[in-house]
N, C-alpha and C. Protein backbone atom coordinates (compact mmCIF):
# COMPACT_ATOMS: atom_id res chain seq x y z
N MET A 1 20.59 7.57 0.52
CA MET A 1 19.56 7.98 1.46
C MET A 1 18.37 7.03 1.35
N LEU A 2 17.81 6.64 2.49
CA LEU A 2 16.66 5.76 2.49
C LEU A 2 15.42 6.49 2.04
N GLN A 3 14.55 5.77 1.34
CA GLN A 3 13.29 6.36 0.93
C GLN A 3 12.35 6.38 2.13
N PRO A 4 11.67 7.50 2.37
CA PRO A 4 10.94 7.65 3.62
C PRO A 4 9.61 6.91 3.71
N PHE A 5 9.08 6.40 2.60
CA PHE A 5 7.77 5.75 2.64
C PHE A 5 7.92 4.27 2.34
N ASP A 6 7.56 3.43 3.31
CA ASP A 6 7.56 1.99 3.12
C ASP A 6 6.14 1.53 2.86
N ILE A 7 6.00 0.53 1.99
CA ILE A 7 4.70 -0.01 1.62
C ILE A 7 4.63 -1.44 2.12
N PHE A 8 3.56 -1.75 2.85
CA PHE A 8 3.37 -3.07 3.43
C PHE A 8 2.03 -3.65 2.97
N LYS A 9 1.98 -4.97 2.87
CA LYS A 9 0.74 -5.69 2.63
C LYS A 9 0.29 -6.24 3.98
N VAL A 10 -1.00 -6.08 4.29
CA VAL A 10 -1.55 -6.58 5.54
C VAL A 10 -2.48 -7.74 5.22
N GLU A 11 -2.13 -8.93 5.69
CA GLU A 11 -2.93 -10.13 5.44
C GLU A 11 -4.16 -10.15 6.34
N ASP A 12 -5.16 -10.95 5.99
CA ASP A 12 -6.36 -11.08 6.80
C ASP A 12 -6.07 -11.58 8.20
N ASP A 13 -5.01 -12.38 8.35
CA ASP A 13 -4.67 -12.92 9.67
C ASP A 13 -3.84 -11.95 10.51
N GLY A 14 -3.58 -10.75 9.97
CA GLY A 14 -2.85 -9.72 10.70
C GLY A 14 -1.36 -9.67 10.41
N ASN A 15 -0.84 -10.64 9.66
CA ASN A 15 0.58 -10.60 9.29
C ASN A 15 0.84 -9.44 8.34
N VAL A 16 1.98 -8.80 8.51
CA VAL A 16 2.35 -7.64 7.71
C VAL A 16 3.65 -7.96 6.97
N PHE A 17 3.67 -7.70 5.66
CA PHE A 17 4.83 -7.98 4.84
C PHE A 17 5.28 -6.72 4.10
N TRP A 18 6.58 -6.43 4.16
CA TRP A 18 7.13 -5.28 3.44
C TRP A 18 7.13 -5.60 1.95
N LEU A 19 6.70 -4.65 1.12
CA LEU A 19 6.67 -4.84 -0.33
C LEU A 19 7.65 -3.95 -1.06
N ASP A 20 7.71 -2.68 -0.67
CA ASP A 20 8.44 -1.72 -1.49
C ASP A 20 8.68 -0.45 -0.67
N ALA A 21 9.44 0.46 -1.23
CA ALA A 21 9.65 1.78 -0.65
C ALA A 21 9.44 2.82 -1.75
N ALA A 22 9.13 4.03 -1.34
CA ALA A 22 8.86 5.09 -2.31
C ALA A 22 9.42 6.41 -1.78
N PRO A 23 9.79 7.31 -2.70
CA PRO A 23 10.37 8.58 -2.29
C PRO A 23 9.33 9.61 -1.83
N SER A 24 8.04 9.37 -2.17
CA SER A 24 7.00 10.33 -1.81
C SER A 24 5.69 9.59 -1.57
N LEU A 25 4.76 10.28 -0.92
CA LEU A 25 3.44 9.69 -0.70
C LEU A 25 2.73 9.45 -2.02
N GLN A 26 2.91 10.35 -2.97
CA GLN A 26 2.28 10.20 -4.27
C GLN A 26 2.80 8.95 -4.98
N ALA A 27 4.09 8.71 -4.91
CA ALA A 27 4.66 7.51 -5.54
C ALA A 27 4.18 6.25 -4.83
N ALA A 28 4.05 6.31 -3.51
CA ALA A 28 3.57 5.16 -2.75
C ALA A 28 2.12 4.83 -3.09
N THR A 29 1.28 5.85 -3.16
CA THR A 29 -0.12 5.59 -3.50
C THR A 29 -0.28 5.12 -4.94
N ALA A 30 0.56 5.59 -5.85
CA ALA A 30 0.52 5.11 -7.23
C ALA A 30 0.90 3.64 -7.28
N ARG A 31 1.90 3.25 -6.50
CA ARG A 31 2.31 1.83 -6.44
C ARG A 31 1.18 0.97 -5.90
N ILE A 32 0.49 1.45 -4.88
CA ILE A 32 -0.63 0.70 -4.30
C ILE A 32 -1.78 0.58 -5.30
N GLN A 33 -2.02 1.61 -6.09
CA GLN A 33 -3.07 1.53 -7.10
C GLN A 33 -2.81 0.38 -8.06
N LEU A 34 -1.55 0.18 -8.43
CA LEU A 34 -1.20 -0.96 -9.29
C LEU A 34 -1.43 -2.28 -8.57
N LEU A 35 -1.06 -2.35 -7.31
CA LEU A 35 -1.23 -3.57 -6.53
C LEU A 35 -2.71 -3.89 -6.30
N LEU A 36 -3.53 -2.88 -6.08
CA LEU A 36 -4.95 -3.10 -5.82
C LEU A 36 -5.67 -3.69 -7.02
N ALA A 37 -5.17 -3.43 -8.21
CA ALA A 37 -5.82 -3.95 -9.41
C ALA A 37 -5.77 -5.48 -9.46
N ASP A 38 -4.79 -6.10 -8.80
CA ASP A 38 -4.62 -7.54 -8.88
C ASP A 38 -4.81 -8.28 -7.57
N ARG A 39 -4.96 -7.58 -6.47
CA ARG A 39 -5.02 -8.24 -5.16
C ARG A 39 -6.19 -7.73 -4.35
N ARG A 40 -6.60 -8.56 -3.41
CA ARG A 40 -7.67 -8.16 -2.49
C ARG A 40 -7.09 -8.07 -1.07
N ASN A 41 -6.06 -7.31 -0.91
CA ASN A 41 -5.40 -7.15 0.38
C ASN A 41 -5.54 -5.73 0.88
N ARG A 42 -5.27 -5.56 2.15
CA ARG A 42 -5.13 -4.22 2.72
C ARG A 42 -3.66 -3.84 2.64
N PHE A 43 -3.41 -2.55 2.53
CA PHE A 43 -2.04 -2.07 2.45
C PHE A 43 -1.82 -0.98 3.48
N LEU A 44 -0.56 -0.78 3.81
CA LEU A 44 -0.16 0.21 4.79
C LEU A 44 1.02 0.98 4.23
N ILE A 45 0.96 2.30 4.30
CA ILE A 45 2.09 3.16 3.95
C ILE A 45 2.59 3.76 5.25
N LEU A 46 3.86 3.58 5.53
CA LEU A 46 4.47 4.09 6.76
C LEU A 46 5.53 5.12 6.40
N ASN A 47 5.41 6.31 6.97
CA ASN A 47 6.41 7.36 6.77
C ASN A 47 7.48 7.17 7.85
N GLN A 48 8.68 6.83 7.44
CA GLN A 48 9.77 6.57 8.38
C GLN A 48 10.21 7.83 9.12
N ASP A 49 10.01 9.00 8.52
CA ASP A 49 10.44 10.24 9.16
C ASP A 49 9.51 10.67 10.29
N THR A 50 8.19 10.54 10.07
CA THR A 50 7.22 11.04 11.05
C THR A 50 6.53 9.94 11.85
N GLY A 51 6.58 8.71 11.34
CA GLY A 51 5.85 7.62 11.98
C GLY A 51 4.38 7.57 11.61
N ASN A 52 3.93 8.49 10.76
CA ASN A 52 2.53 8.49 10.31
C ASN A 52 2.26 7.26 9.47
N ARG A 53 1.02 6.76 9.60
CA ARG A 53 0.61 5.57 8.85
C ARG A 53 -0.65 5.89 8.07
N LEU A 54 -0.74 5.32 6.87
CA LEU A 54 -1.93 5.43 6.04
C LEU A 54 -2.36 4.02 5.68
N TYR A 55 -3.55 3.62 6.14
CA TYR A 55 -4.08 2.30 5.81
C TYR A 55 -4.94 2.40 4.57
N VAL A 56 -4.77 1.46 3.65
CA VAL A 56 -5.57 1.41 2.43
C VAL A 56 -6.38 0.12 2.49
N PRO A 57 -7.72 0.23 2.58
CA PRO A 57 -8.55 -0.97 2.71
C PRO A 57 -8.61 -1.76 1.40
N PRO A 58 -9.07 -3.02 1.47
CA PRO A 58 -9.20 -3.81 0.25
C PRO A 58 -10.26 -3.21 -0.67
N VAL A 59 -10.12 -3.50 -1.94
CA VAL A 59 -11.05 -3.00 -2.95
C VAL A 59 -11.96 -4.15 -3.35
N SER A 60 -13.24 -3.87 -3.54
CA SER A 60 -14.18 -4.90 -3.96
C SER A 60 -13.85 -5.37 -5.37
N ALA A 61 -14.35 -6.55 -5.74
CA ALA A 61 -14.09 -7.10 -7.08
C ALA A 61 -14.59 -6.16 -8.16
N ARG A 62 -15.76 -5.54 -7.94
CA ARG A 62 -16.32 -4.61 -8.93
C ARG A 62 -15.39 -3.41 -9.12
N ASP A 63 -14.91 -2.86 -8.01
CA ASP A 63 -14.03 -1.70 -8.09
C ASP A 63 -12.67 -2.06 -8.68
N ARG A 64 -12.19 -3.30 -8.44
CA ARG A 64 -10.91 -3.73 -9.02
C ARG A 64 -10.95 -3.71 -10.53
N THR A 65 -12.09 -4.10 -11.13
CA THR A 65 -12.18 -4.08 -12.59
C THR A 65 -12.13 -2.66 -13.12
N MET A 66 -12.61 -1.70 -12.33
CA MET A 66 -12.58 -0.30 -12.76
C MET A 66 -11.18 0.27 -12.70
N LEU A 67 -10.29 -0.30 -11.87
CA LEU A 67 -8.93 0.19 -11.77
C LEU A 67 -8.06 -0.23 -12.95
N LYS A 68 -8.47 -1.29 -13.62
CA LYS A 68 -7.63 -1.82 -14.72
C LYS A 68 -7.75 -1.00 -15.96
C-alpha cells in the first residue's frame, strides 16, 4: 500500500522535488523537522488521499540552531 503523505522540497525558483513519503502527518512533520535543521528551503506535505496540502515555510538561521 502506498503511503498517503508525500514530502516535497520547494526551491526559491518554484521547482518542486519529491523527497520522501510518510504513513501519517505526524511522521511527515517529524521528517521535515529534521530537514529544516540543515536546510533553508520551503517544504510541502501532500496527502494523496484528500489532496490537502500543508506548506512549511523556511526557518531563519537563528531558529535553525534552536532545532538542533
